C-alpha atoms as a PDB file:
ATOM      1  CA  MET A   1     -74.877 -45.824 -30.480  1.00  0.00           C
ATOM      2  CA  ASN A   2     -72.181 -45.638 -28.596  1.00  0.00           C
ATOM      3  CA  PHE A   3     -71.949 -43.591 -25.897  1.00  0.00           C
ATOM      4  CA  ARG A   4     -68.506 -44.320 -24.400  1.00  0.00           C
ATOM      5  CA  ARG A   5     -66.446 -41.860 -23.261  1.00  0.00           C
ATOM      6  CA  ARG A   6     -63.561 -41.073 -25.241  1.00  0.00           C
ATOM      7  CA  HIS A   7     -60.412 -41.335 -23.491  1.00  0.00           C
ATOM      8  CA  LYS A   8     -58.728 -37.866 -23.953  1.00  0.00           C
ATOM      9  CA  GLU A   9     -54.780 -36.962 -23.494  1.00  0.00           C
ATOM     10  CA  GLY A  10     -54.518 -34.837 -20.538  1.00  0.00           C
ATOM     11  CA  ALA A  11     -52.232 -31.742 -20.899  1.00  0.00           C
ATOM     12  CA  GLU A  12     -48.870 -31.786 -19.777  1.00  0.00           C
ATOM     13  CA  VAL A  13     -46.412 -28.973 -18.467  1.00  0.00           C
ATOM     14  CA  SER A  14     -43.064 -30.438 -19.382  1.00  0.00           C
ATOM     15  CA  THR A  15     -40.707 -29.153 -16.146  1.00  0.00           C
ATOM     16  CA  GLU A  16     -37.360 -30.868 -17.643  1.00  0.00           C
ATOM     17  CA  SER A  17     -35.955 -27.727 -18.963  1.00  0.00           C
ATOM     18  CA  LEU A  18     -36.868 -25.621 -15.823  1.00  0.00           C
ATOM     19  CA  ASN A  19     -33.654 -25.819 -14.242  1.00  0.00           C
ATOM     20  CA  ASP A  20     -31.999 -24.253 -16.725  1.00  0.00           C
ATOM     21  CA  ILE A  21     -34.275 -21.681 -17.593  1.00  0.00           C
ATOM     22  CA  MET A  22     -34.156 -20.715 -13.630  1.00  0.00           C
ATOM     23  CA  PHE A  23     -30.086 -20.847 -13.796  1.00  0.00           C
ATOM     24  CA  PHE A  24     -29.933 -18.497 -16.719  1.00  0.00           C
ATOM     25  CA  LEU A  25     -32.840 -16.050 -15.146  1.00  0.00           C
ATOM     26  CA  LEU A  26     -30.650 -16.083 -12.242  1.00  0.00           C
ATOM     27  CA  LEU A  27     -27.495 -15.429 -13.955  1.00  0.00           C
ATOM     28  CA  PHE A  28     -28.983 -12.772 -16.189  1.00  0.00           C
ATOM     29  CA  PHE A  29     -30.165 -10.706 -13.247  1.00  0.00           C
ATOM     30  CA  LEU A  30     -26.957 -11.221 -11.474  1.00  0.00           C
ATOM     31  CA  ILE A  31     -25.035  -9.368 -14.193  1.00  0.00           C
ATOM     32  CA  VAL A  32     -27.295  -7.115 -15.563  1.00  0.00           C
ATOM     33  CA  SER A  33     -27.594  -5.664 -11.554  1.00  0.00           C
ATOM     34  CA  THR A  34     -24.125  -5.474 -11.735  1.00  0.00           C
ATOM     35  CA  LEU A  35     -24.183  -3.287 -14.538  1.00  0.00           C
ATOM     36  CA  VAL A  36     -26.622  -1.342 -13.688  1.00  0.00           C
ATOM     37  CA  ASN A  37     -24.991   0.148 -10.316  1.00  0.00           C
ATOM     38  CA  PRO A  38     -20.764  -0.897 -11.045  1.00  0.00           C
ATOM     39  CA  ASN A  39     -20.228   1.067  -7.428  1.00  0.00           C
ATOM     40  CA  ILE A  40     -21.763  -1.391  -5.351  1.00  0.00           C
ATOM     41  CA  ILE A  41     -18.442  -2.618  -3.761  1.00  0.00           C
ATOM     42  CA  LYS A  42     -16.912  -0.264  -1.615  1.00  0.00           C
ATOM     43  CA  LEU A  43     -12.924   0.401  -2.129  1.00  0.00           C
ATOM     44  CA  THR A  44     -11.249   2.520  -0.219  1.00  0.00           C
ATOM     45  CA  LEU A  45      -7.808   3.864  -2.141  1.00  0.00           C
ATOM     46  CA  PRO A  46      -5.530   5.406  -0.594  1.00  0.00           C
ATOM     47  CA  SER A  47      -5.104   8.949  -0.469  1.00  0.00           C
ATOM     48  CA  SER A  48      -2.301  12.046  -0.100  1.00  0.00           C
ATOM     49  CA  LYS A  49      -3.016  15.526   1.348  1.00  0.00           C
ATOM     50  CA  GLN A  50       0.589  16.393   0.109  1.00  0.00           C
ATOM     51  CA  GLY A  51       2.223  15.116  -2.882  1.00  0.00           C
ATOM     52  CA  THR A  52       6.335  14.635  -2.397  1.00  0.00           C
ATOM     53  CA  SER A  53       8.199  13.191  -5.787  1.00  0.00           C
ATOM     54  CA  MET A  54      11.312  11.122  -4.374  1.00  0.00           C
ATOM     55  CA  GLN A  55      12.814  11.850  -7.995  1.00  0.00           C
ATOM     56  CA  ASN A  56      14.906  14.508  -6.511  1.00  0.00           C
ATOM     57  CA  LYS A  57      15.359  12.869  -3.089  1.00  0.00           C
ATOM     58  CA  PRO A  58      19.118  11.174  -2.472  1.00  0.00           C
ATOM     59  CA  LYS A  59      18.130   7.041  -2.403  1.00  0.00           C
ATOM     60  CA  VAL A  60      19.684   4.674  -0.388  1.00  0.00           C
ATOM     61  CA  VAL A  61      19.368   1.805  -2.865  1.00  0.00           C
ATOM     62  CA  VAL A  62      19.848  -1.802  -1.672  1.00  0.00           C
ATOM     63  CA  GLU A  63      19.934  -4.098  -4.415  1.00  0.00           C
ATOM     64  CA  ALA A  64      20.290  -8.389  -4.026  1.00  0.00           C
ATOM     65  CA  GLY A  65      21.025  -9.787  -7.083  1.00  0.00           C
ATOM     66  CA  LYS A  66      21.465 -13.796  -8.098  1.00  0.00           C
ATOM     67  CA  ASP A  67      23.894 -15.646  -5.601  1.00  0.00           C
ATOM     68  CA  ALA A  68      23.491 -13.292  -2.840  1.00  0.00           C
ATOM     69  CA  GLN A  69      25.177 -10.349  -4.685  1.00  0.00           C
ATOM     70  CA  PHE A  70      24.304  -7.109  -2.271  1.00  0.00           C
ATOM     71  CA  THR A  71      24.990  -4.146  -3.443  1.00  0.00           C
ATOM     72  CA  VAL A  72      24.282  -0.332  -1.878  1.00  0.00           C
ATOM     73  CA  ASN A  73      24.634   2.494  -4.030  1.00  0.00           C
ATOM     74  CA  GLY A  74      26.204   0.713  -6.526  1.00  0.00           C
ATOM     75  CA  ARG A  75      29.489  -0.691  -4.574  1.00  0.00           C
ATOM     76  CA  SER A  76      29.247  -4.200  -3.837  1.00  0.00           C
ATOM     77  CA  PHE A  77      29.437  -5.672  -0.031  1.00  0.00           C
ATOM     78  CA  PRO A  78      29.516  -9.364   1.366  1.00  0.00           C
ATOM     79  CA  PHE A  79      26.295  -9.870   3.336  1.00  0.00           C
ATOM     80  CA  SER A  80      28.223  -9.470   6.798  1.00  0.00           C
ATOM     81  CA  ALA A  81      29.264  -6.183   5.953  1.00  0.00           C
ATOM     82  CA  LEU A  82      25.555  -5.226   4.699  1.00  0.00           C
ATOM     83  CA  GLU A  83      24.527  -3.820   7.624  1.00  0.00           C
ATOM     84  CA  GLN A  84      27.205  -1.457   8.301  1.00  0.00           C
ATOM     85  CA  ALA A  85      27.411  -0.277   4.921  1.00  0.00           C
ATOM     86  CA  VAL A  86      23.543   1.384   4.801  1.00  0.00           C
ATOM     87  CA  SER A  87      23.966   2.248   8.314  1.00  0.00           C
ATOM     88  CA  LEU A  88      27.067   4.105   6.999  1.00  0.00           C
ATOM     89  CA  GLU A  89      25.418   5.412   3.655  1.00  0.00           C
ATOM     90  CA  LEU A  90      21.777   6.321   5.290  1.00  0.00           C
ATOM     91  CA  ASN A  91      23.891   8.256   7.745  1.00  0.00           C
ATOM     92  CA  ARG A  92      25.371  10.100   4.705  1.00  0.00           C
ATOM     93  CA  THR A  93      22.489  10.816   2.935  1.00  0.00           C
ATOM     94  CA  GLY A  94      20.239  11.680   5.630  1.00  0.00           C
ATOM     95  CA  GLU A  95      17.498   9.866   4.067  1.00  0.00           C
ATOM     96  CA  LYS A  96      15.586   7.439   6.571  1.00  0.00           C
ATOM     97  CA  MET A  97      14.276   4.586   3.547  1.00  0.00           C
ATOM     98  CA  ILE A  98      15.578   2.310   1.621  1.00  0.00           C
ATOM     99  CA  VAL A  99      14.559   1.188  -1.777  1.00  0.00           C
ATOM    100  CA  LEU A 100      15.320  -2.443  -2.049  1.00  0.00           C
ATOM    101  CA  LYS A 101      15.702  -4.159  -5.332  1.00  0.00           C
ATOM    102  CA  ILE A 102      15.734  -8.260  -4.965  1.00  0.00           C
ATOM    103  CA  ASP A 103      16.340 -10.428  -7.841  1.00  0.00           C
ATOM    104  CA  ASN A 104      13.504 -12.849  -8.615  1.00  0.00           C
ATOM    105  CA  GLY A 105      15.448 -16.066  -8.434  1.00  0.00           C
ATOM    106  CA  LEU A 106      16.428 -15.379  -4.873  1.00  0.00           C
ATOM    107  CA  THR A 107      14.870 -17.280  -1.682  1.00  0.00           C
ATOM    108  CA  VAL A 108      12.223 -15.573   0.367  1.00  0.00           C
ATOM    109  CA  GLN A 109      14.573 -15.902   3.127  1.00  0.00           C
ATOM    110  CA  ASP A 110      17.102 -13.634   1.717  1.00  0.00           C
ATOM    111  CA  LEU A 111      14.227 -11.140   1.502  1.00  0.00           C
ATOM    112  CA  VAL A 112      13.604 -11.597   5.247  1.00  0.00           C
ATOM    113  CA  ASP A 113      17.192 -11.311   5.910  1.00  0.00           C
ATOM    114  CA  VAL A 114      17.610  -7.674   4.582  1.00  0.00           C
ATOM    115  CA  LEU A 115      14.177  -6.794   5.768  1.00  0.00           C
ATOM    116  CA  GLN A 116      15.373  -7.779   9.751  1.00  0.00           C
ATOM    117  CA  ILE A 117      18.477  -4.979   8.768  1.00  0.00           C
ATOM    118  CA  GLY A 118      16.268  -2.591   7.962  1.00  0.00           C
ATOM    119  CA  ASP A 119      14.237  -2.968  10.804  1.00  0.00           C
ATOM    120  CA  LYS A 120      17.141  -3.314  12.864  1.00  0.00           C
ATOM    121  CA  LEU A 121      18.015   0.446  11.800  1.00  0.00           C
ATOM    122  CA  GLY A 122      14.686   1.727  12.254  1.00  0.00           C
ATOM    123  CA  VAL A 123      14.013   2.788   8.379  1.00  0.00           C
ATOM    124  CA  LYS A 124      11.081   2.506   6.330  1.00  0.00           C
ATOM    125  CA  MET A 125      11.952  -0.269   3.293  1.00  0.00           C
ATOM    126  CA  VAL A 126      10.317  -0.108  -0.077  1.00  0.00           C
ATOM    127  CA  LEU A 127      10.162  -2.907  -2.288  1.00  0.00           C
ATOM    128  CA  LYS A 128      10.755  -2.191  -5.782  1.00  0.00           C
ATOM    129  CA  THR A 129       9.331  -4.154  -8.281  1.00  0.00           C
ATOM    130  CA  LYS A 130       9.881  -4.839 -12.357  1.00  0.00           C
ATOM    131  CA  SER A 131       6.791  -3.927 -14.327  1.00  0.00           C
ATOM    132  CA  PRO A 132       6.430  -6.345 -17.374  1.00  0.00           C
ATOM    133  CA  THR A 133       6.357  -3.601 -19.739  1.00  0.00           C
ATOM    134  CA  MET A 134      10.056  -2.483 -17.947  1.00  0.00           C
ATOM    135  CA  LYS A 135      13.362  -4.239 -19.686  1.00  0.00           C
END
């Protein structure tokens, strides 16, 4: 009789893919926790107590086109006379706000120069941009 013990194979747990499984579980719980409560990120949006429309107000529109061609309410001016033209137009309309349209081909320095004129005159300036749907 052969009473020798047989060499048995031990039970093994493969941990090679454990990192991948943990990563997917973490990703799953992050996504699910965001979907359960989408208001986790507190976002404070601006609000207005009174609604005023700018549609009927007279506007002072300053446009800066290519090659630094400046127009104030449709009339062209060189940059050296822009401050005086804007000041006269503001006095004529009584408005304390300028709508500024700048061509995207101009430099940031051109924009800053026009903004400095508005700051010197003490008026608010609104930068009007083109939306992708506008032509």
